[in-house]
């Protein structure tokens, strides 16, 4: 299972997600362009020294990422506030890539269309969304649990 960040625009959340990837042993894809200068210095505070332990794969744009995903037979599962399925009810597989939209605006329609599945975290209807790193941790934890990779 992998994480993918579509054009992330907040270095702090990206660093936190890289740390999550390091701790859980999952590759993190960064789909450019980023909304900040992607550098170890920009990520150092939130990723800390964990950045040395994560497998990061950069993609110059959506088309290159989408081609890589297709060539490697990976299934895209988009985390969205507009998903039809609760993340707990979805059936994850080892070859899934959990795809996260931009913190500021989510994922555009063409990303929704390219996704094999869309999942939502049920929450109070009067509130918009969780922090993207919190949402990713919840869904990744469920995906790893279901696929038997969430063990001590």
N, C-alpha and C. Protein backbone atom coordinates (compact mmCIF):
# COMPACT_ATOMS: atom_id res chain seq x y z
N UNK A 1 0.85 -1.18 0.00
CA UNK A 1 0.00 0.00 0.00
C UNK A 1 0.89 1.23 0.00
N UNK A 2 0.51 2.24 -0.77
CA UNK A 2 1.25 3.49 -0.88
C UNK A 2 0.34 4.66 -0.52
N UNK A 3 0.97 5.79 -0.22
CA UNK A 3 0.27 7.07 -0.10
C UNK A 3 0.69 7.93 -1.28
N UNK A 4 -0.21 8.76 -1.79
CA UNK A 4 0.13 9.71 -2.84
C UNK A 4 -0.48 11.06 -2.49
N UNK A 5 0.32 12.11 -2.66
CA UNK A 5 -0.12 13.47 -2.37
C UNK A 5 -0.21 14.23 -3.67
N UNK A 6 -1.43 14.62 -4.05
CA UNK A 6 -1.66 15.36 -5.28
C UNK A 6 -1.37 16.84 -5.04
N UNK A 7 -0.31 17.32 -5.63
CA UNK A 7 0.07 18.74 -5.58
C UNK A 7 -0.09 19.33 -4.18
N UNK A 8 0.61 18.76 -3.21
CA UNK A 8 0.46 19.25 -1.83
C UNK A 8 0.83 20.73 -1.72
N UNK A 9 0.11 21.45 -0.87
CA UNK A 9 0.39 22.88 -0.77
C UNK A 9 0.79 23.34 0.63
N UNK A 10 0.99 22.40 1.55
CA UNK A 10 1.44 22.77 2.89
C UNK A 10 2.60 21.88 3.31
N UNK A 11 3.76 22.49 3.48
CA UNK A 11 4.96 21.73 3.82
C UNK A 11 4.81 20.97 5.14
N UNK A 12 4.13 21.55 6.11
CA UNK A 12 3.99 20.90 7.41
C UNK A 12 3.21 19.59 7.30
N UNK A 13 2.12 19.60 6.56
CA UNK A 13 1.34 18.38 6.38
C UNK A 13 2.12 17.36 5.55
N UNK A 14 2.83 17.82 4.55
CA UNK A 14 3.63 16.91 3.73
C UNK A 14 4.69 16.24 4.59
N UNK A 15 5.35 17.00 5.44
CA UNK A 15 6.35 16.43 6.34
C UNK A 15 5.75 15.41 7.28
N UNK A 16 4.58 15.72 7.81
CA UNK A 16 3.90 14.78 8.70
C UNK A 16 3.53 13.50 7.96
N UNK A 17 3.09 13.62 6.72
CA UNK A 17 2.75 12.44 5.93
C UNK A 17 3.98 11.63 5.55
N UNK A 18 5.11 12.29 5.35
CA UNK A 18 6.35 11.56 5.10
C UNK A 18 6.76 10.78 6.36
N UNK A 19 6.57 11.39 7.50
CA UNK A 19 6.86 10.70 8.77
C UNK A 19 5.94 9.50 8.93
N UNK A 20 4.66 9.65 8.60
CA UNK A 20 3.71 8.54 8.65
C UNK A 20 4.18 7.42 7.73
N UNK A 21 4.59 7.78 6.51
CA UNK A 21 5.07 6.77 5.57
C UNK A 21 6.28 6.02 6.11
N UNK A 22 7.20 6.75 6.73
CA UNK A 22 8.39 6.12 7.31
C UNK A 22 7.99 5.15 8.41
N UNK A 23 7.14 5.58 9.31
CA UNK A 23 6.76 4.74 10.46
C UNK A 23 5.94 3.53 10.06
N UNK A 24 5.12 3.65 9.04
CA UNK A 24 4.27 2.54 8.62
C UNK A 24 4.88 1.71 7.49
N UNK A 25 6.04 2.14 6.99
CA UNK A 25 6.71 1.38 5.94
C UNK A 25 6.02 1.44 4.59
N UNK A 26 5.42 2.59 4.26
CA UNK A 26 4.76 2.74 2.96
C UNK A 26 5.45 3.84 2.15
N UNK A 27 5.51 3.63 0.86
CA UNK A 27 6.07 4.62 -0.05
C UNK A 27 5.13 5.82 -0.12
N UNK A 28 5.71 7.01 -0.27
CA UNK A 28 4.92 8.23 -0.43
C UNK A 28 5.26 8.85 -1.78
N UNK A 29 4.23 9.02 -2.60
CA UNK A 29 4.37 9.65 -3.91
C UNK A 29 4.04 11.14 -3.76
N UNK A 30 4.86 11.97 -4.33
CA UNK A 30 4.60 13.41 -4.39
C UNK A 30 4.33 13.75 -5.85
N UNK A 31 3.12 14.22 -6.12
CA UNK A 31 2.74 14.58 -7.48
C UNK A 31 2.87 16.09 -7.62
N UNK A 32 3.86 16.53 -8.36
CA UNK A 32 4.12 17.96 -8.55
C UNK A 32 3.11 18.58 -9.49
N UNK A 33 2.99 19.90 -9.47
CA UNK A 33 3.80 20.83 -8.68
C UNK A 33 3.30 20.97 -7.24
N UNK A 34 4.24 21.18 -6.35
CA UNK A 34 3.91 21.45 -4.95
C UNK A 34 3.66 22.94 -4.78
N UNK A 35 2.92 23.29 -3.76
CA UNK A 35 2.63 24.69 -3.47
C UNK A 35 3.70 25.33 -2.60
N UNK A 36 4.85 24.67 -2.46
CA UNK A 36 5.98 25.17 -1.66
C UNK A 36 7.24 24.58 -2.27
N UNK A 37 8.37 25.13 -1.91
CA UNK A 37 9.64 24.61 -2.39
C UNK A 37 9.92 23.29 -1.67
N UNK A 38 9.81 22.19 -2.39
CA UNK A 38 10.00 20.86 -1.80
C UNK A 38 11.49 20.67 -1.53
N UNK A 39 11.83 20.72 -0.26
CA UNK A 39 13.23 20.56 0.13
C UNK A 39 13.28 19.97 1.53
N UNK A 40 14.41 19.37 1.86
CA UNK A 40 14.57 18.81 3.20
C UNK A 40 14.42 19.91 4.25
N UNK A 41 14.91 21.09 3.93
CA UNK A 41 14.80 22.20 4.88
C UNK A 41 13.33 22.57 5.15
N UNK A 42 12.52 22.61 4.10
CA UNK A 42 11.10 22.97 4.25
C UNK A 42 10.35 21.92 5.06
N UNK A 43 10.80 20.67 4.97
CA UNK A 43 10.10 19.57 5.62
C UNK A 43 10.71 19.17 6.95
N UNK A 44 11.87 19.69 7.27
CA UNK A 44 12.65 19.24 8.42
C UNK A 44 11.86 19.31 9.73
N UNK A 45 11.14 20.38 9.97
CA UNK A 45 10.46 20.55 11.25
C UNK A 45 9.39 19.49 11.49
N UNK A 46 8.59 19.18 10.46
CA UNK A 46 7.52 18.20 10.66
C UNK A 46 7.97 16.77 10.38
N UNK A 47 8.86 16.58 9.43
CA UNK A 47 9.34 15.22 9.12
C UNK A 47 10.46 14.80 10.05
N UNK A 48 11.15 15.78 10.62
CA UNK A 48 12.29 15.55 11.50
C UNK A 48 13.29 14.62 10.81
N UNK A 49 13.91 13.73 11.53
CA UNK A 49 14.89 12.84 10.91
C UNK A 49 14.25 11.61 10.27
N UNK A 50 12.93 11.54 10.28
CA UNK A 50 12.22 10.42 9.66
C UNK A 50 12.32 10.45 8.14
N UNK A 51 12.62 11.60 7.58
CA UNK A 51 12.70 11.74 6.12
C UNK A 51 13.77 10.81 5.55
N UNK A 52 14.73 10.45 6.38
CA UNK A 52 15.79 9.53 5.94
C UNK A 52 15.30 8.09 5.85
N UNK A 53 14.11 7.82 6.37
CA UNK A 53 13.60 6.45 6.45
C UNK A 53 12.37 6.20 5.58
N UNK A 54 12.01 7.16 4.76
CA UNK A 54 10.82 6.99 3.92
C UNK A 54 11.22 6.88 2.46
N UNK A 55 10.50 6.02 1.75
CA UNK A 55 10.68 5.85 0.32
C UNK A 55 9.80 6.90 -0.38
N UNK A 56 10.44 7.93 -0.91
CA UNK A 56 9.72 9.03 -1.58
C UNK A 56 9.87 8.85 -3.09
N UNK A 57 8.77 8.93 -3.80
CA UNK A 57 8.80 8.88 -5.26
C UNK A 57 8.17 10.15 -5.79
N UNK A 58 8.95 10.94 -6.50
CA UNK A 58 8.44 12.20 -7.08
C UNK A 58 7.96 11.96 -8.51
N UNK A 59 6.87 12.63 -8.85
CA UNK A 59 6.31 12.57 -10.20
C UNK A 59 6.17 14.01 -10.68
N UNK A 60 6.63 14.29 -11.89
CA UNK A 60 6.66 15.68 -12.35
C UNK A 60 5.28 16.27 -12.57
N UNK A 61 4.27 15.41 -12.76
CA UNK A 61 2.90 15.91 -12.89
C UNK A 61 1.94 14.73 -12.79
N UNK A 62 0.65 15.04 -12.87
CA UNK A 62 -0.39 14.02 -12.75
C UNK A 62 -0.25 12.94 -13.84
N UNK A 63 0.02 13.36 -15.08
CA UNK A 63 0.11 12.40 -16.18
C UNK A 63 1.20 11.36 -15.95
N UNK A 64 2.35 11.80 -15.46
CA UNK A 64 3.44 10.86 -15.20
C UNK A 64 3.08 9.92 -14.04
N UNK A 65 2.46 10.44 -13.01
CA UNK A 65 2.02 9.59 -11.91
C UNK A 65 0.99 8.58 -12.40
N UNK A 66 0.02 9.05 -13.15
CA UNK A 66 -1.04 8.18 -13.64
C UNK A 66 -0.47 7.08 -14.53
N UNK A 67 0.52 7.39 -15.34
CA UNK A 67 1.16 6.39 -16.19
C UNK A 67 1.90 5.36 -15.32
N UNK A 68 2.63 5.84 -14.29
CA UNK A 68 3.33 4.93 -13.38
C UNK A 68 2.34 4.00 -12.70
N UNK A 69 1.25 4.56 -12.22
CA UNK A 69 0.22 3.78 -11.52
C UNK A 69 -0.36 2.72 -12.44
N UNK A 70 -0.65 3.07 -13.67
CA UNK A 70 -1.20 2.13 -14.64
C UNK A 70 -0.19 1.04 -14.98
N UNK A 71 1.05 1.44 -15.25
CA UNK A 71 2.11 0.48 -15.59
C UNK A 71 2.37 -0.52 -14.47
N UNK A 72 2.13 -0.11 -13.23
CA UNK A 72 2.40 -0.97 -12.07
C UNK A 72 1.15 -1.63 -11.49
N UNK A 73 0.05 -1.53 -12.23
CA UNK A 73 -1.22 -2.18 -11.81
C UNK A 73 -1.63 -1.82 -10.39
N UNK A 74 -1.54 -0.55 -10.07
CA UNK A 74 -1.95 -0.06 -8.76
C UNK A 74 -3.35 0.51 -8.86
N UNK A 75 -4.13 0.32 -7.82
CA UNK A 75 -5.49 0.85 -7.77
C UNK A 75 -5.48 2.14 -6.96
N UNK A 76 -6.13 3.18 -7.48
CA UNK A 76 -6.21 4.46 -6.78
C UNK A 76 -7.46 4.50 -5.91
N UNK A 77 -7.25 4.86 -4.65
CA UNK A 77 -8.36 5.04 -3.71
C UNK A 77 -8.25 6.47 -3.20
N UNK A 78 -9.19 7.31 -3.59
CA UNK A 78 -9.17 8.72 -3.25
C UNK A 78 -9.86 8.97 -1.92
N UNK A 79 -9.18 9.66 -1.02
CA UNK A 79 -9.79 10.14 0.22
C UNK A 79 -10.45 11.47 -0.11
N UNK A 80 -11.74 11.58 0.15
CA UNK A 80 -12.47 12.78 -0.24
C UNK A 80 -13.62 13.02 0.72
N UNK A 81 -14.06 14.25 0.79
CA UNK A 81 -15.25 14.55 1.57
C UNK A 81 -16.51 14.23 0.78
N UNK A 82 -16.34 13.84 -0.50
CA UNK A 82 -17.48 13.55 -1.38
C UNK A 82 -17.55 12.08 -1.78
N UNK A 83 -16.99 11.21 -0.99
CA UNK A 83 -16.96 9.79 -1.33
C UNK A 83 -18.26 9.09 -1.02
N UNK A 84 -18.58 8.05 -1.79
CA UNK A 84 -19.81 7.29 -1.56
C UNK A 84 -19.66 6.20 -0.51
N UNK A 85 -18.41 5.86 -0.14
CA UNK A 85 -18.16 4.74 0.77
C UNK A 85 -17.44 5.20 2.03
N UNK A 86 -17.88 4.69 3.17
CA UNK A 86 -17.12 4.90 4.40
C UNK A 86 -15.78 4.19 4.26
N UNK A 87 -14.73 4.80 4.74
CA UNK A 87 -13.41 4.19 4.65
C UNK A 87 -13.36 2.86 5.40
N UNK A 88 -14.22 2.65 6.37
CA UNK A 88 -14.24 1.39 7.13
C UNK A 88 -14.92 0.26 6.35
N UNK A 89 -15.80 0.61 5.42
CA UNK A 89 -16.53 -0.40 4.64
C UNK A 89 -15.81 -0.79 3.36
N UNK A 90 -14.85 -0.01 2.95
CA UNK A 90 -14.13 -0.26 1.70
C UNK A 90 -13.21 -1.47 1.86
N UNK A 91 -13.04 -2.26 0.82
CA UNK A 91 -12.16 -3.44 0.84
C UNK A 91 -10.83 -3.08 0.17
N UNK A 92 -9.80 -2.93 0.98
CA UNK A 92 -8.48 -2.51 0.51
C UNK A 92 -7.66 -3.71 0.05
N UNK A 93 -6.68 -3.44 -0.81
CA UNK A 93 -5.76 -4.48 -1.27
C UNK A 93 -4.33 -3.98 -1.14
N UNK A 94 -3.38 -4.90 -1.21
CA UNK A 94 -1.96 -4.55 -1.09
C UNK A 94 -1.51 -3.56 -2.16
N UNK A 95 -2.14 -3.59 -3.32
CA UNK A 95 -1.72 -2.75 -4.45
C UNK A 95 -2.41 -1.39 -4.49
N UNK A 96 -3.10 -1.01 -3.44
CA UNK A 96 -3.79 0.28 -3.41
C UNK A 96 -2.82 1.43 -3.18
N UNK A 97 -3.15 2.54 -3.81
CA UNK A 97 -2.50 3.82 -3.51
C UNK A 97 -3.58 4.70 -2.92
N UNK A 98 -3.39 5.12 -1.67
CA UNK A 98 -4.32 6.05 -1.04
C UNK A 98 -3.94 7.45 -1.49
N UNK A 99 -4.83 8.08 -2.22
CA UNK A 99 -4.57 9.35 -2.88
C UNK A 99 -5.21 10.49 -2.11
N UNK A 100 -4.42 11.52 -1.81
CA UNK A 100 -4.87 12.68 -1.05
C UNK A 100 -4.84 13.91 -1.95
N UNK A 101 -5.93 14.67 -1.96
CA UNK A 101 -5.97 15.90 -2.73
C UNK A 101 -5.24 17.02 -2.01
N UNK A 102 -5.29 18.20 -2.58
CA UNK A 102 -4.67 19.37 -1.96
C UNK A 102 -5.38 19.73 -0.67
N UNK A 103 -4.62 20.22 0.29
CA UNK A 103 -5.20 20.65 1.55
C UNK A 103 -6.20 21.77 1.35
N UNK A 104 -5.91 22.69 0.44
CA UNK A 104 -6.74 23.88 0.26
C UNK A 104 -7.98 23.66 -0.60
N UNK A 105 -7.92 22.71 -1.55
CA UNK A 105 -9.04 22.58 -2.48
C UNK A 105 -9.44 21.16 -2.82
N UNK A 106 -8.81 20.17 -2.22
CA UNK A 106 -9.18 18.78 -2.51
C UNK A 106 -8.62 18.32 -3.84
N UNK A 107 -9.34 17.41 -4.48
CA UNK A 107 -8.91 16.84 -5.75
C UNK A 107 -9.84 17.31 -6.87
N UNK A 108 -9.27 17.65 -8.02
CA UNK A 108 -10.12 18.08 -9.15
C UNK A 108 -10.90 16.89 -9.74
N UNK A 109 -11.85 17.21 -10.58
CA UNK A 109 -12.74 16.19 -11.16
C UNK A 109 -11.97 15.09 -11.89
N UNK A 110 -10.90 15.44 -12.62
CA UNK A 110 -10.18 14.41 -13.37
C UNK A 110 -9.48 13.42 -12.45
N UNK A 111 -9.14 13.82 -11.23
CA UNK A 111 -8.56 12.90 -10.26
C UNK A 111 -9.67 11.98 -9.71
N UNK A 112 -10.83 12.55 -9.44
CA UNK A 112 -11.97 11.73 -9.02
C UNK A 112 -12.27 10.68 -10.09
N UNK A 113 -12.29 11.09 -11.34
CA UNK A 113 -12.62 10.19 -12.44
C UNK A 113 -11.60 9.07 -12.60
N UNK A 114 -10.35 9.34 -12.29
CA UNK A 114 -9.28 8.34 -12.45
C UNK A 114 -9.23 7.35 -11.29
N UNK A 115 -9.93 7.63 -10.22
CA UNK A 115 -9.86 6.80 -9.02
C UNK A 115 -10.78 5.60 -9.13
N UNK A 116 -10.27 4.45 -8.71
CA UNK A 116 -11.08 3.22 -8.70
C UNK A 116 -12.09 3.24 -7.56
N UNK A 117 -11.72 3.93 -6.47
CA UNK A 117 -12.60 4.02 -5.32
C UNK A 117 -12.46 5.37 -4.67
N UNK A 118 -13.53 5.80 -4.02
CA UNK A 118 -13.51 7.06 -3.27
C UNK A 118 -14.09 6.77 -1.90
N UNK A 119 -13.33 7.16 -0.88
CA UNK A 119 -13.77 6.89 0.49
C UNK A 119 -13.86 8.18 1.29
N UNK A 120 -14.76 8.15 2.25
CA UNK A 120 -15.00 9.31 3.10
C UNK A 120 -14.92 8.85 4.55
N UNK A 121 -14.49 9.75 5.40
CA UNK A 121 -14.51 9.51 6.84
C UNK A 121 -15.80 10.13 7.37
N UNK A 122 -16.74 9.31 7.86
CA UNK A 122 -17.98 9.87 8.38
C UNK A 122 -17.69 10.81 9.56
N UNK A 123 -18.31 11.96 9.54
CA UNK A 123 -18.12 12.92 10.63
C UNK A 123 -19.33 13.83 10.73
N UNK A 124 -19.31 14.70 11.69
CA UNK A 124 -20.42 15.62 11.90
C UNK A 124 -20.66 16.45 10.64
N UNK A 125 -21.90 16.53 10.17
CA UNK A 125 -22.19 17.19 8.89
C UNK A 125 -21.95 18.69 8.88
N UNK A 126 -21.96 19.32 10.03
CA UNK A 126 -21.76 20.78 10.04
C UNK A 126 -20.29 21.18 9.97
N UNK A 127 -19.38 20.20 9.96
CA UNK A 127 -17.94 20.48 9.88
C UNK A 127 -17.41 20.00 8.53
N UNK A 128 -16.40 20.72 8.00
CA UNK A 128 -15.92 20.46 6.64
C UNK A 128 -15.07 19.20 6.52
N UNK A 129 -13.97 19.16 7.28
CA UNK A 129 -13.04 18.06 7.07
C UNK A 129 -12.02 18.00 8.19
N UNK A 130 -11.33 16.87 8.23
CA UNK A 130 -10.21 16.68 9.14
C UNK A 130 -8.92 17.20 8.49
N UNK A 131 -7.91 17.38 9.29
CA UNK A 131 -6.59 17.66 8.74
C UNK A 131 -6.20 16.49 7.85
N UNK A 132 -5.56 16.76 6.74
CA UNK A 132 -5.24 15.74 5.75
C UNK A 132 -4.34 14.64 6.31
N UNK A 133 -3.41 15.00 7.18
CA UNK A 133 -2.52 13.99 7.77
C UNK A 133 -3.28 13.09 8.75
N UNK A 134 -4.22 13.65 9.47
CA UNK A 134 -5.05 12.85 10.38
C UNK A 134 -5.91 11.89 9.56
N UNK A 135 -6.53 12.40 8.51
CA UNK A 135 -7.37 11.56 7.65
C UNK A 135 -6.54 10.43 7.03
N UNK A 136 -5.36 10.75 6.55
CA UNK A 136 -4.51 9.73 5.93
C UNK A 136 -4.14 8.65 6.94
N UNK A 137 -3.83 9.05 8.16
CA UNK A 137 -3.45 8.07 9.20
C UNK A 137 -4.62 7.13 9.50
N UNK A 138 -5.82 7.68 9.58
CA UNK A 138 -6.99 6.84 9.86
C UNK A 138 -7.22 5.81 8.75
N UNK A 139 -7.21 6.28 7.51
CA UNK A 139 -7.51 5.39 6.39
C UNK A 139 -6.36 4.42 6.15
N UNK A 140 -5.13 4.88 6.24
CA UNK A 140 -3.99 3.99 6.08
C UNK A 140 -4.01 2.89 7.15
N UNK A 141 -4.32 3.27 8.38
CA UNK A 141 -4.40 2.27 9.45
C UNK A 141 -5.43 1.20 9.14
N UNK A 142 -6.59 1.60 8.65
CA UNK A 142 -7.62 0.63 8.29
C UNK A 142 -7.17 -0.23 7.11
N UNK A 143 -6.55 0.38 6.12
CA UNK A 143 -6.07 -0.38 4.96
C UNK A 143 -5.00 -1.40 5.36
N UNK A 144 -4.07 -0.99 6.20
CA UNK A 144 -3.02 -1.90 6.65
C UNK A 144 -3.59 -3.01 7.53
N UNK A 145 -4.59 -2.66 8.36
CA UNK A 145 -5.24 -3.68 9.19
C UNK A 145 -5.92 -4.73 8.32
N UNK A 146 -6.68 -4.26 7.33
CA UNK A 146 -7.41 -5.19 6.47
C UNK A 146 -6.49 -6.10 5.67
N UNK A 147 -5.34 -5.59 5.26
CA UNK A 147 -4.42 -6.37 4.42
C UNK A 147 -3.39 -7.15 5.23
N UNK A 148 -3.50 -7.10 6.55
CA UNK A 148 -2.62 -7.88 7.41
C UNK A 148 -1.24 -7.31 7.62
N UNK A 149 -1.08 -6.02 7.37
CA UNK A 149 0.24 -5.39 7.51
C UNK A 149 0.34 -4.48 8.73
N UNK A 150 -0.66 -4.46 9.55
CA UNK A 150 -0.69 -3.57 10.71
C UNK A 150 -0.44 -4.41 11.96
N UNK A 151 0.83 -4.83 12.11
CA UNK A 151 1.19 -5.72 13.20
C UNK A 151 2.39 -5.16 13.93
N UNK A 152 2.55 -5.59 15.17
CA UNK A 152 3.77 -5.27 15.93
C UNK A 152 4.83 -6.30 15.62
